[in-house]
């Protein structure tokens, strides 16, 4: 039986704080994972046949590690913390050899600077999308003209160069892509547009497909 791994080593290997590690272990235990040990002693994952096996092969593990690394370098602190937490949770469920593939992947992401310039509070944006609630924003266009708008946020779009918010704009009465680095102020309104979010997304995707069909005709 393998020796317990200390919390300090787990935290160092996964790049998370001890507090986050303890929280993740508690979450895994609550989900049914059999993790032996305690603080100050160390931890060991007990194989439990009641849990589905992790059958990732090496290339799947590389893809997972690379994707999580990319998220951590986007420039959004909340998503970076979420990616680190996912890495720790997945690593805890893998056999020792595959855990090493994940923690020491051969594919790496190197970005001296964050991929996106995030100026507005993305936590407010995500909450509004999840809750399907309108946002009040002040938005600067390419000419730096600022307008006030009420929008229905649909999803966050990660494009090649910018982080944008796809939304229905009540001012323009149409779909708009708002660059998050040009949102100079935003505020939650608690005004619900549920259950329109999915329908609006489908409508926008249908419009995009129609434009592509017209362009290819």
C-alpha atoms as a PDB file:
ATOM      1  CA  UNK A   1       0.000   0.000   0.000  1.00  0.00           C
ATOM      2  CA  UNK A   2       1.508   3.394  -0.954  1.00  0.00           C
ATOM      3  CA  UNK A   3       2.557   5.770   1.807  1.00  0.00           C
ATOM      4  CA  UNK A   4       0.327   8.779   2.517  1.00  0.00           C
ATOM      5  CA  UNK A   5       1.114  11.991   0.633  1.00  0.00           C
ATOM      6  CA  UNK A   6       1.314  15.136   2.726  1.00  0.00           C
ATOM      7  CA  UNK A   7      -1.017  18.016   2.082  1.00  0.00           C
ATOM      8  CA  UNK A   8       1.987  20.307   1.546  1.00  0.00           C
ATOM      9  CA  UNK A   9       3.284  18.087  -1.278  1.00  0.00           C
ATOM     10  CA  UNK A  10      -0.143  17.822  -2.882  1.00  0.00           C
ATOM     11  CA  UNK A  11      -0.549  21.589  -2.732  1.00  0.00           C
ATOM     12  CA  UNK A  12       2.897  22.127  -4.288  1.00  0.00           C
ATOM     13  CA  UNK A  13       2.310  19.573  -7.057  1.00  0.00           C
ATOM     14  CA  UNK A  14      -1.094  20.984  -7.999  1.00  0.00           C
ATOM     15  CA  UNK A  15      -0.249  24.651  -7.518  1.00  0.00           C
ATOM     16  CA  UNK A  16      -3.039  25.423  -5.060  1.00  0.00           C
ATOM     17  CA  UNK A  17      -3.038  26.740  -1.512  1.00  0.00           C
ATOM     18  CA  UNK A  18      -3.345  24.433   1.485  1.00  0.00           C
ATOM     19  CA  UNK A  19      -6.743  25.932   2.238  1.00  0.00           C
ATOM     20  CA  UNK A  20      -7.970  25.126  -1.294  1.00  0.00           C
ATOM     21  CA  UNK A  21      -6.527  21.623  -1.053  1.00  0.00           C
ATOM     22  CA  UNK A  22      -8.332  20.876   2.203  1.00  0.00           C
ATOM     23  CA  UNK A  23     -11.553  22.191   0.690  1.00  0.00           C
ATOM     24  CA  UNK A  24     -11.116  20.010  -2.409  1.00  0.00           C
ATOM     25  CA  UNK A  25     -10.467  16.914  -0.285  1.00  0.00           C
ATOM     26  CA  UNK A  26     -13.635  17.605   1.689  1.00  0.00           C
ATOM     27  CA  UNK A  27     -15.557  18.002  -1.596  1.00  0.00           C
ATOM     28  CA  UNK A  28     -14.189  14.717  -2.971  1.00  0.00           C
ATOM     29  CA  UNK A  29     -15.091  12.895   0.219  1.00  0.00           C
ATOM     30  CA  UNK A  30     -18.580  14.365   0.075  1.00  0.00           C
ATOM     31  CA  UNK A  31     -18.859  13.069  -3.512  1.00  0.00           C
ATOM     32  CA  UNK A  32     -18.042   9.540  -2.350  1.00  0.00           C
ATOM     33  CA  UNK A  33     -14.287   9.258  -2.827  1.00  0.00           C
ATOM     34  CA  UNK A  34     -12.552   7.167  -0.153  1.00  0.00           C
ATOM     35  CA  UNK A  35      -9.611   9.278   0.978  1.00  0.00           C
ATOM     36  CA  UNK A  36      -7.779   8.076   4.059  1.00  0.00           C
ATOM     37  CA  UNK A  37      -5.732  10.344   6.310  1.00  0.00           C
ATOM     38  CA  UNK A  38      -5.985  13.714   7.967  1.00  0.00           C
ATOM     39  CA  UNK A  39      -4.251  17.046   8.321  1.00  0.00           C
ATOM     40  CA  UNK A  40      -0.732  16.729   9.693  1.00  0.00           C
ATOM     41  CA  UNK A  41      -0.456  13.074   8.655  1.00  0.00           C
ATOM     42  CA  UNK A  42      -1.092  12.792   4.943  1.00  0.00           C
ATOM     43  CA  UNK A  43      -3.661  11.420   2.520  1.00  0.00           C
ATOM     44  CA  UNK A  44      -4.110   8.278   0.462  1.00  0.00           C
ATOM     45  CA  UNK A  45      -6.824   7.569  -2.117  1.00  0.00           C
ATOM     46  CA  UNK A  46      -8.369   4.152  -1.532  1.00  0.00           C
ATOM     47  CA  UNK A  47      -9.487   2.280  -4.631  1.00  0.00           C
ATOM     48  CA  UNK A  48     -13.251   2.041  -4.478  1.00  0.00           C
ATOM     49  CA  UNK A  49     -14.989  -0.189  -7.005  1.00  0.00           C
ATOM     50  CA  UNK A  50     -18.224   1.693  -6.358  1.00  0.00           C
ATOM     51  CA  UNK A  51     -16.689   4.647  -8.196  1.00  0.00           C
ATOM     52  CA  UNK A  52     -16.326   4.637 -11.997  1.00  0.00           C
ATOM     53  CA  UNK A  53     -12.703   4.125 -13.082  1.00  0.00           C
ATOM     54  CA  UNK A  54     -10.784   6.931 -14.750  1.00  0.00           C
ATOM     55  CA  UNK A  55      -9.769   5.481 -18.107  1.00  0.00           C
ATOM     56  CA  UNK A  56      -8.032   8.493 -19.648  1.00  0.00           C
ATOM     57  CA  UNK A  57      -5.229   7.518 -21.988  1.00  0.00           C
ATOM     58  CA  UNK A  58      -2.039   9.572 -22.262  1.00  0.00           C
ATOM     59  CA  UNK A  59      -3.187  11.826 -25.099  1.00  0.00           C
ATOM     60  CA  UNK A  60      -6.462  12.533 -23.288  1.00  0.00           C
ATOM     61  CA  UNK A  61      -4.511  13.462 -20.169  1.00  0.00           C
ATOM     62  CA  UNK A  62      -2.285  15.741 -22.272  1.00  0.00           C
ATOM     63  CA  UNK A  63      -5.375  17.440 -23.716  1.00  0.00           C
ATOM     64  CA  UNK A  64      -6.840  17.890 -20.241  1.00  0.00           C
ATOM     65  CA  UNK A  65      -3.620  19.322 -18.809  1.00  0.00           C
ATOM     66  CA  UNK A  66      -3.148  21.654 -21.776  1.00  0.00           C
ATOM     67  CA  UNK A  67      -6.732  22.903 -21.670  1.00  0.00           C
ATOM     68  CA  UNK A  68      -6.578  23.623 -17.939  1.00  0.00           C
ATOM     69  CA  UNK A  69      -3.218  25.375 -18.359  1.00  0.00           C
ATOM     70  CA  UNK A  70      -4.707  27.566 -21.086  1.00  0.00           C
ATOM     71  CA  UNK A  71      -7.578  28.548 -18.803  1.00  0.00           C
ATOM     72  CA  UNK A  72      -5.139  29.443 -16.032  1.00  0.00           C
ATOM     73  CA  UNK A  73      -3.342  31.877 -18.371  1.00  0.00           C
ATOM     74  CA  UNK A  74      -6.414  33.664 -19.715  1.00  0.00           C
ATOM     75  CA  UNK A  75      -6.283  36.485 -17.193  1.00  0.00           C
ATOM     76  CA  UNK A  76      -9.452  35.697 -15.236  1.00  0.00           C
ATOM     77  CA  UNK A  77      -8.496  34.919 -11.604  1.00  0.00           C
ATOM     78  CA  UNK A  78     -11.738  33.036 -10.849  1.00  0.00           C
ATOM     79  CA  UNK A  79     -11.359  30.745 -13.859  1.00  0.00           C
ATOM     80  CA  UNK A  80      -7.678  30.233 -13.057  1.00  0.00           C
ATOM     81  CA  UNK A  81      -8.586  29.102  -9.543  1.00  0.00           C
ATOM     82  CA  UNK A  82     -11.306  26.853 -10.961  1.00  0.00           C
ATOM     83  CA  UNK A  83      -8.858  25.241 -13.389  1.00  0.00           C
ATOM     84  CA  UNK A  84      -6.377  24.567 -10.572  1.00  0.00           C
ATOM     85  CA  UNK A  85      -9.129  23.018  -8.480  1.00  0.00           C
ATOM     86  CA  UNK A  86     -10.229  20.760 -11.359  1.00  0.00           C
ATOM     87  CA  UNK A  87      -6.624  19.634 -11.880  1.00  0.00           C
ATOM     88  CA  UNK A  88      -6.307  18.675  -8.220  1.00  0.00           C
ATOM     89  CA  UNK A  89      -9.616  16.805  -8.164  1.00  0.00           C
ATOM     90  CA  UNK A  90      -8.880  14.844 -11.335  1.00  0.00           C
ATOM     91  CA  UNK A  91      -5.349  14.030 -10.170  1.00  0.00           C
ATOM     92  CA  UNK A  92      -6.747  12.645  -6.925  1.00  0.00           C
ATOM     93  CA  UNK A  93      -8.836  10.078  -8.826  1.00  0.00           C
ATOM     94  CA  UNK A  94      -6.095   8.821 -11.154  1.00  0.00           C
ATOM     95  CA  UNK A  95      -3.747   5.865 -10.617  1.00  0.00           C
ATOM     96  CA  UNK A  96      -0.209   6.897  -9.679  1.00  0.00           C
ATOM     97  CA  UNK A  97       1.284   6.558 -13.171  1.00  0.00           C
ATOM     98  CA  UNK A  98      -1.482   8.532 -14.865  1.00  0.00           C
ATOM     99  CA  UNK A  99      -1.407  11.140 -12.112  1.00  0.00           C
ATOM    100  CA  UNK A 100       2.221  11.789 -13.054  1.00  0.00           C
ATOM    101  CA  UNK A 101       1.203  12.201 -16.719  1.00  0.00           C
ATOM    102  CA  UNK A 102      -1.251  14.874 -15.609  1.00  0.00           C
ATOM    103  CA  UNK A 103       0.935  16.763 -13.131  1.00  0.00           C
ATOM    104  CA  UNK A 104       4.049  16.618 -15.336  1.00  0.00           C
ATOM    105  CA  UNK A 105       2.487  16.815 -18.806  1.00  0.00           C
ATOM    106  CA  UNK A 106       4.788  17.199 -21.812  1.00  0.00           C
ATOM    107  CA  UNK A 107       2.493  19.886 -23.281  1.00  0.00           C
ATOM    108  CA  UNK A 108       2.889  23.311 -21.699  1.00  0.00           C
ATOM    109  CA  UNK A 109       1.458  26.801 -22.073  1.00  0.00           C
ATOM    110  CA  UNK A 110       3.822  29.760 -21.885  1.00  0.00           C
ATOM    111  CA  UNK A 111       2.297  33.233 -21.781  1.00  0.00           C
ATOM    112  CA  UNK A 112       4.366  36.011 -20.180  1.00  0.00           C
ATOM    113  CA  UNK A 113       1.216  38.121 -20.165  1.00  0.00           C
ATOM    114  CA  UNK A 114      -2.436  37.102 -19.742  1.00  0.00           C
ATOM    115  CA  UNK A 115      -4.170  36.233 -22.991  1.00  0.00           C
ATOM    116  CA  UNK A 116      -7.018  38.671 -22.419  1.00  0.00           C
ATOM    117  CA  UNK A 117      -7.255  42.124 -20.895  1.00  0.00           C
ATOM    118  CA  UNK A 118     -10.128  41.765 -18.423  1.00  0.00           C
ATOM    119  CA  UNK A 119     -11.315  45.189 -17.271  1.00  0.00           C
ATOM    120  CA  UNK A 120     -14.813  44.511 -15.933  1.00  0.00           C
ATOM    121  CA  UNK A 121     -15.928  42.223 -13.116  1.00  0.00           C
ATOM    122  CA  UNK A 122     -16.392  38.875 -14.855  1.00  0.00           C
ATOM    123  CA  UNK A 123     -17.975  37.430 -11.723  1.00  0.00           C
ATOM    124  CA  UNK A 124     -20.908  39.808 -12.165  1.00  0.00           C
ATOM    125  CA  UNK A 125     -21.103  38.887 -15.859  1.00  0.00           C
ATOM    126  CA  UNK A 126     -21.117  35.143 -15.196  1.00  0.00           C
ATOM    127  CA  UNK A 127     -23.698  35.444 -12.426  1.00  0.00           C
ATOM    128  CA  UNK A 128     -25.979  37.415 -14.737  1.00  0.00           C
ATOM    129  CA  UNK A 129     -25.652  34.751 -17.459  1.00  0.00           C
ATOM    130  CA  UNK A 130     -26.327  31.893 -15.033  1.00  0.00           C
ATOM    131  CA  UNK A 131     -29.265  33.650 -13.407  1.00  0.00           C
ATOM    132  CA  UNK A 132     -30.586  35.037 -16.736  1.00  0.00           C
ATOM    133  CA  UNK A 133     -30.727  38.590 -15.414  1.00  0.00           C
ATOM    134  CA  UNK A 134     -30.236  41.830 -17.352  1.00  0.00           C
ATOM    135  CA  UNK A 135     -27.137  43.965 -16.914  1.00  0.00           C
ATOM    136  CA  UNK A 136     -26.828  47.733 -17.010  1.00  0.00           C
ATOM    137  CA  UNK A 137     -23.552  48.753 -18.663  1.00  0.00           C
ATOM    138  CA  UNK A 138     -21.629  51.773 -19.869  1.00  0.00           C
ATOM    139  CA  UNK A 139     -19.827  50.820 -23.069  1.00  0.00           C
ATOM    140  CA  UNK A 140     -17.090  52.614 -25.015  1.00  0.00           C
ATOM    141  CA  UNK A 141     -17.019  51.986 -28.770  1.00  0.00           C
ATOM    142  CA  UNK A 142     -13.918  52.064 -30.988  1.00  0.00           C
ATOM    143  CA  UNK A 143     -14.153  55.868 -31.106  1.00  0.00           C
ATOM    144  CA  UNK A 144     -14.323  56.011 -27.290  1.00  0.00           C
ATOM    145  CA  UNK A 145     -17.933  57.217 -27.344  1.00  0.00           C
ATOM    146  CA  UNK A 146     -19.647  55.928 -24.216  1.00  0.00           C
ATOM    147  CA  UNK A 147     -23.279  54.830 -24.229  1.00  0.00           C
ATOM    148  CA  UNK A 148     -25.475  53.423 -21.489  1.00  0.00           C
ATOM    149  CA  UNK A 149     -27.293  50.205 -22.299  1.00  0.00           C
ATOM    150  CA  UNK A 150     -29.379  47.468 -20.769  1.00  0.00           C
ATOM    151  CA  UNK A 151     -28.393  44.090 -22.132  1.00  0.00           C
ATOM    152  CA  UNK A 152     -29.445  40.470 -21.757  1.00  0.00           C
ATOM    153  CA  UNK A 153     -26.167  38.534 -21.332  1.00  0.00           C
ATOM    154  CA  UNK A 154     -26.115  35.191 -23.141  1.00  0.00           C
ATOM    155  CA  UNK A 155     -22.564  33.821 -23.012  1.00  0.00           C
ATOM    156  CA  UNK A 156     -18.894  34.764 -22.762  1.00  0.00           C
ATOM    157  CA  UNK A 157     -17.021  34.302 -26.035  1.00  0.00           C
ATOM    158  CA  UNK A 158     -13.278  33.578 -26.031  1.00  0.00           C
ATOM    159  CA  UNK A 159     -12.053  34.728 -29.444  1.00  0.00           C
ATOM    160  CA  UNK A 160      -8.478  34.776 -30.732  1.00  0.00           C
ATOM    161  CA  UNK A 161      -7.636  38.207 -29.372  1.00  0.00           C
ATOM    162  CA  UNK A 162     -10.471  39.492 -27.218  1.00  0.00           C
ATOM    163  CA  UNK A 163     -12.851  38.366 -24.516  1.00  0.00           C
ATOM    164  CA  UNK A 164     -16.365  39.336 -25.544  1.00  0.00           C
ATOM    165  CA  UNK A 165     -19.863  39.124 -24.136  1.00  0.00           C
ATOM    166  CA  UNK A 166     -22.608  38.002 -26.488  1.00  0.00           C
ATOM    167  CA  UNK A 167     -25.842  39.693 -25.476  1.00  0.00           C
ATOM    168  CA  UNK A 168     -29.161  41.033 -26.690  1.00  0.00           C
ATOM    169  CA  UNK A 169     -28.912  44.815 -26.650  1.00  0.00           C
ATOM    170  CA  UNK A 170     -32.174  46.526 -25.725  1.00  0.00           C
ATOM    171  CA  UNK A 171     -30.864  49.812 -27.144  1.00  0.00           C
ATOM    172  CA  UNK A 172     -30.142  48.390 -30.619  1.00  0.00           C
ATOM    173  CA  UNK A 173     -32.814  45.681 -30.409  1.00  0.00           C
ATOM    174  CA  UNK A 174     -30.373  43.163 -31.821  1.00  0.00           C
ATOM    175  CA  UNK A 175     -27.558  40.815 -30.878  1.00  0.00           C
ATOM    176  CA  UNK A 176     -24.257  42.481 -30.070  1.00  0.00           C
ATOM    177  CA  UNK A 177     -20.743  41.365 -29.155  1.00  0.00           C
ATOM    178  CA  UNK A 178     -19.391  43.575 -26.387  1.00  0.00           C
ATOM    179  CA  UNK A 179     -15.646  43.578 -25.803  1.00  0.00           C
ATOM    180  CA  UNK A 180     -15.175  43.179 -22.069  1.00  0.00           C
ATOM    181  CA  UNK A 181     -12.192  45.558 -22.066  1.00  0.00           C
ATOM    182  CA  UNK A 182     -14.536  48.302 -23.310  1.00  0.00           C
ATOM    183  CA  UNK A 183     -17.172  47.822 -20.626  1.00  0.00           C
ATOM    184  CA  UNK A 184     -16.277  50.772 -18.400  1.00  0.00           C
ATOM    185  CA  UNK A 185     -18.983  50.079 -15.816  1.00  0.00           C
ATOM    186  CA  UNK A 186     -21.605  47.414 -15.193  1.00  0.00           C
ATOM    187  CA  UNK A 187     -24.264  46.722 -12.620  1.00  0.00           C
ATOM    188  CA  UNK A 188     -26.593  43.823 -11.930  1.00  0.00           C
ATOM    189  CA  UNK A 189     -30.260  44.734 -12.226  1.00  0.00           C
ATOM    190  CA  UNK A 190     -31.980  41.614 -10.812  1.00  0.00           C
ATOM    191  CA  UNK A 191     -34.396  41.921 -13.771  1.00  0.00           C
ATOM    192  CA  UNK A 192     -34.976  38.378 -14.996  1.00  0.00           C
ATOM    193  CA  UNK A 193     -35.298  37.418 -18.657  1.00  0.00           C
ATOM    194  CA  UNK A 194     -35.718  33.714 -17.887  1.00  0.00           C
ATOM    195  CA  UNK A 195     -36.328  31.470 -19.788  1.00  0.00           C
ATOM    196  CA  UNK A 196     -35.247  33.382 -22.911  1.00  0.00           C
ATOM    197  CA  UNK A 197     -31.495  32.792 -22.769  1.00  0.00           C
ATOM    198  CA  UNK A 198     -31.406  29.419 -24.554  1.00  0.00           C
ATOM    199  CA  UNK A 199     -33.950  30.535 -27.160  1.00  0.00           C
ATOM    200  CA  UNK A 200     -31.963  33.704 -27.887  1.00  0.00           C
ATOM    201  CA  UNK A 201     -28.747  31.709 -28.232  1.00  0.00           C
ATOM    202  CA  UNK A 202     -30.403  29.343 -30.690  1.00  0.00           C
ATOM    203  CA  UNK A 203     -31.749  32.280 -32.670  1.00  0.00           C
ATOM    204  CA  UNK A 204     -28.319  33.864 -32.893  1.00  0.00           C
ATOM    205  CA  UNK A 205     -26.668  30.606 -33.960  1.00  0.00           C
ATOM    206  CA  UNK A 206     -29.336  30.146 -36.621  1.00  0.00           C
ATOM    207  CA  UNK A 207     -28.581  33.647 -37.921  1.00  0.00           C
ATOM    208  CA  UNK A 208     -24.877  32.871 -38.084  1.00  0.00           C
ATOM    209  CA  UNK A 209     -25.516  29.639 -39.993  1.00  0.00           C
ATOM    210  CA  UNK A 210     -27.777  31.468 -42.434  1.00  0.00           C
ATOM    211  CA  UNK A 211     -25.073  34.057 -43.086  1.00  0.00           C
ATOM    212  CA  UNK A 212     -22.518  31.324 -43.721  1.00  0.00           C
ATOM    213  CA  UNK A 213     -24.897  29.581 -46.126  1.00  0.00           C
ATOM    214  CA  UNK A 214     -25.499  32.843 -47.989  1.00  0.00           C
ATOM    215  CA  UNK A 215     -21.762  33.533 -48.170  1.00  0.00           C
ATOM    216  CA  UNK A 216     -21.076  30.051 -49.538  1.00  0.00           C
ATOM    217  CA  UNK A 217     -23.868  30.134 -52.121  1.00  0.00           C
END
